Protein backbone atom coordinates (compact mmCIF):
# COMPACT_ATOMS: atom_id res chain seq x y z
CA MET A 1 0.00 0.00 0.00
CA GLN A 2 1.52 3.29 -1.05
CA LYS A 3 0.89 6.50 0.89
CA THR A 4 0.16 9.62 -0.98
CA LYS A 5 1.81 12.83 0.13
CA LYS A 6 -0.52 15.66 0.89
CA LYS A 7 0.24 18.92 -0.78
CA ILE A 8 0.79 22.03 1.28
CA THR A 9 -1.50 24.62 -0.14
CA GLY A 10 -1.77 28.32 0.41
CA PHE A 11 -4.65 27.64 2.81
CA HIS A 12 -2.39 25.47 5.01
CA VAL A 13 0.37 28.09 5.03
CA THR A 14 -2.15 30.77 5.96
CA LEU A 15 -3.39 28.66 8.89
CA MET A 16 0.20 28.07 10.07
CA PHE A 17 0.97 31.82 9.96
CA MET A 18 -2.24 32.65 11.80
CA ALA A 19 -1.54 30.04 14.49
CA PHE A 20 2.08 31.18 14.90
CA PHE A 21 1.26 34.89 15.22
CA GLY A 22 -1.86 34.13 17.26
CA VAL A 23 0.26 32.43 19.93
CA ILE A 24 2.74 35.32 19.92
CA MET A 25 -0.04 37.90 20.28
CA ALA A 26 -1.75 35.94 23.07
CA VAL A 27 1.50 35.72 25.06
CA ASN A 28 2.23 39.43 24.49
CA PHE A 29 -1.23 40.48 25.66
CA LEU A 30 -0.95 38.21 28.71
CA MET A 31 2.47 39.60 29.66
CA ALA A 32 1.35 43.21 29.12
CA SER A 33 -1.74 42.75 31.29
CA LEU A 34 0.33 41.12 34.05
CA ALA A 35 2.90 43.94 33.89
CA LEU A 36 0.27 46.67 34.05
CA GLY A 37 -1.56 44.92 36.88
CA SER A 38 1.55 44.73 39.07
CA PHE A 39 3.13 48.13 38.29
CA SER A 40 3.05 50.41 41.32
CA GLY A 41 3.77 53.64 39.50
CA THR A 42 6.77 55.81 38.90
CA VAL A 43 9.65 56.34 41.27
CA VAL A 44 9.53 60.08 40.68
CA ASP A 45 6.94 61.98 38.69
CA ASN A 46 9.43 64.32 37.07
CA SER A 47 13.06 63.19 36.87
CA TYR A 48 14.28 66.67 35.93
CA VAL A 49 12.78 68.23 39.06
CA ALA A 50 14.14 65.33 41.15
CA SER A 51 17.62 65.93 39.75
CA GLN A 52 17.40 69.59 40.77
CA LYS A 53 16.65 68.57 44.38
CA TYR A 54 19.32 65.85 44.54
CA ASN A 55 21.98 67.97 46.27
CA GLU A 56 19.40 69.23 48.76
CA TRP A 57 18.46 65.62 49.56
CA LEU A 58 22.13 64.71 50.03
CA GLU A 59 22.59 67.58 52.50
CA GLU A 60 19.49 66.51 54.45
CA SER A 61 20.90 62.99 54.58
CA ARG A 62 24.24 64.27 55.95
CA GLN A 63 22.43 66.27 58.63
CA GLU A 64 20.36 63.23 59.62
CA ALA A 65 23.48 61.05 59.83
CA ALA A 66 25.12 63.66 62.09
CA HIS A 67 22.46 63.00 64.77
CA GLY A 68 23.99 59.56 65.27
CA TRP A 69 20.62 57.98 65.98
CA ILE A 70 20.52 54.22 65.91
CA VAL A 71 17.28 52.98 64.32
CA GLY A 72 16.66 49.24 64.31
CA GLU A 73 14.86 47.35 61.58
CA PRO A 74 11.08 47.46 62.06
CA LYS A 75 9.63 44.19 63.36
CA ARG A 76 6.10 42.87 63.40
CA THR A 77 4.85 41.92 66.88
CA ASP A 78 1.43 40.29 66.62
CA ASP A 79 -0.40 42.80 64.41
CA LYS A 80 1.61 45.86 65.52
CA LEU A 81 4.86 47.33 64.24
CA GLN A 82 7.78 47.64 66.65
CA LEU A 83 10.73 49.99 66.19
CA SER A 84 13.88 50.64 68.22
CA VAL A 85 15.25 54.22 68.25
CA LEU A 86 18.30 55.23 70.31
CA ASP A 87 20.60 58.24 70.35
CA ALA A 88 24.35 58.13 69.62
CA GLU A 89 25.12 57.03 73.21
CA GLY A 90 22.57 54.20 73.10
CA ALA A 91 19.99 55.94 75.29
CA ALA A 92 16.35 56.51 74.45
CA LEU A 93 15.45 59.80 72.78
CA SER A 94 13.58 62.32 74.91
CA ASP A 95 9.96 62.43 73.77
CA PRO A 96 10.36 61.79 70.02
CA LYS A 97 7.45 61.98 67.61
CA ILE A 98 7.45 58.86 65.44
CA SER A 99 5.07 58.22 62.58
CA ALA A 100 5.07 56.03 59.51
CA ILE A 101 3.12 55.52 56.34
CA ALA A 102 2.80 51.87 55.29
CA TYR A 103 1.89 51.08 51.71
CA HIS A 104 1.91 48.00 49.51
CA PRO A 105 4.72 48.05 46.94
CA VAL A 106 2.24 47.20 44.19
CA GLY A 107 -0.59 49.42 45.42
CA GLN A 108 -3.00 46.63 46.35
CA THR A 109 -4.59 48.58 49.23
CA GLU A 110 -4.74 52.09 50.61
CA ALA A 111 -1.80 53.38 52.63
CA ILE A 112 -2.00 53.09 56.42
CA ASN A 113 -0.86 55.92 58.71
CA LEU A 114 0.89 54.64 61.84
CA THR A 115 1.68 56.50 65.06
CA PHE A 116 3.95 55.14 67.77
CA THR A 117 4.10 55.17 71.57
CA GLU A 118 7.05 54.16 73.72
CA ASN A 119 6.78 50.73 75.42
CA ALA A 120 10.22 50.64 77.00
CA GLY A 121 13.36 52.76 76.83
CA GLY A 122 13.89 53.32 73.12
CA LEU A 123 11.35 50.67 72.01
CA TYR A 124 8.25 52.00 70.24
CA GLN A 125 5.11 50.20 69.10
CA SER A 126 2.50 51.33 66.59
CA ASN A 127 -0.92 52.25 67.91
CA GLU A 128 -2.56 50.98 64.74
CA ALA A 129 -2.57 47.42 63.43
CA LEU A 130 -0.53 46.53 60.36
CA PRO A 131 -2.07 43.64 58.40
CA ALA A 132 0.12 40.72 57.37
CA GLY A 133 1.95 40.97 54.07
CA ARG A 134 4.73 42.93 52.46
CA TRP A 135 4.75 46.66 53.24
CA LYS A 136 7.00 49.58 52.36
CA LEU A 137 7.41 52.03 55.24
CA LYS A 138 8.15 55.77 55.16
CA ILE A 139 9.23 56.45 58.73
CA SER A 140 9.58 59.94 60.18
CA ILE A 141 11.26 60.57 63.56
CA SER A 142 11.56 64.02 65.10
CA GLU A 143 12.93 65.25 68.41
CA ASP A 144 12.93 68.99 69.05
CA VAL A 145 14.38 70.45 65.82
CA ARG A 146 16.16 67.28 64.68
CA ASN A 147 14.46 65.06 62.10
CA LEU A 148 15.13 61.72 60.47
CA ASP A 149 13.22 60.38 57.48
CA MET A 150 13.86 56.87 56.29
CA VAL A 151 12.38 54.16 54.11
CA SER A 152 12.20 50.54 55.15
CA GLU A 153 10.34 47.37 54.28
CA ILE A 154 8.65 44.67 56.29
CA LYS A 155 7.44 41.27 55.11
């Protein structure tokens, strides 16, 4: 019994091209929708304006470093955030004002404003609950006229 070879016609080639490019388009649309769904926004809205303020930000950073404050990594205790803040000698600061803004890196929920009260010498706990998950933190510490702004992350 002899097999006959089927001819490839223009119709077959058209179907192959449509299938090939159809798969490519489907993958591209999937990847684009995943990228747009997980993008949290821009780092800065206007890079030119940010570049103009760069030296000012460096000077603020030098002034903050001159305080010598020792700030520990934020830790989650139950549903609260705990933070250690000490002066250059390792003593607790005198009546600092500590606040933080917690936000999801991919913007899944609204930002949460946190305020802190001192539990023990130099150990502060948030008054508000911080739900489980990954959070970016913008922490602000002030004592008299000295300020420290920092960014941290908690998982």
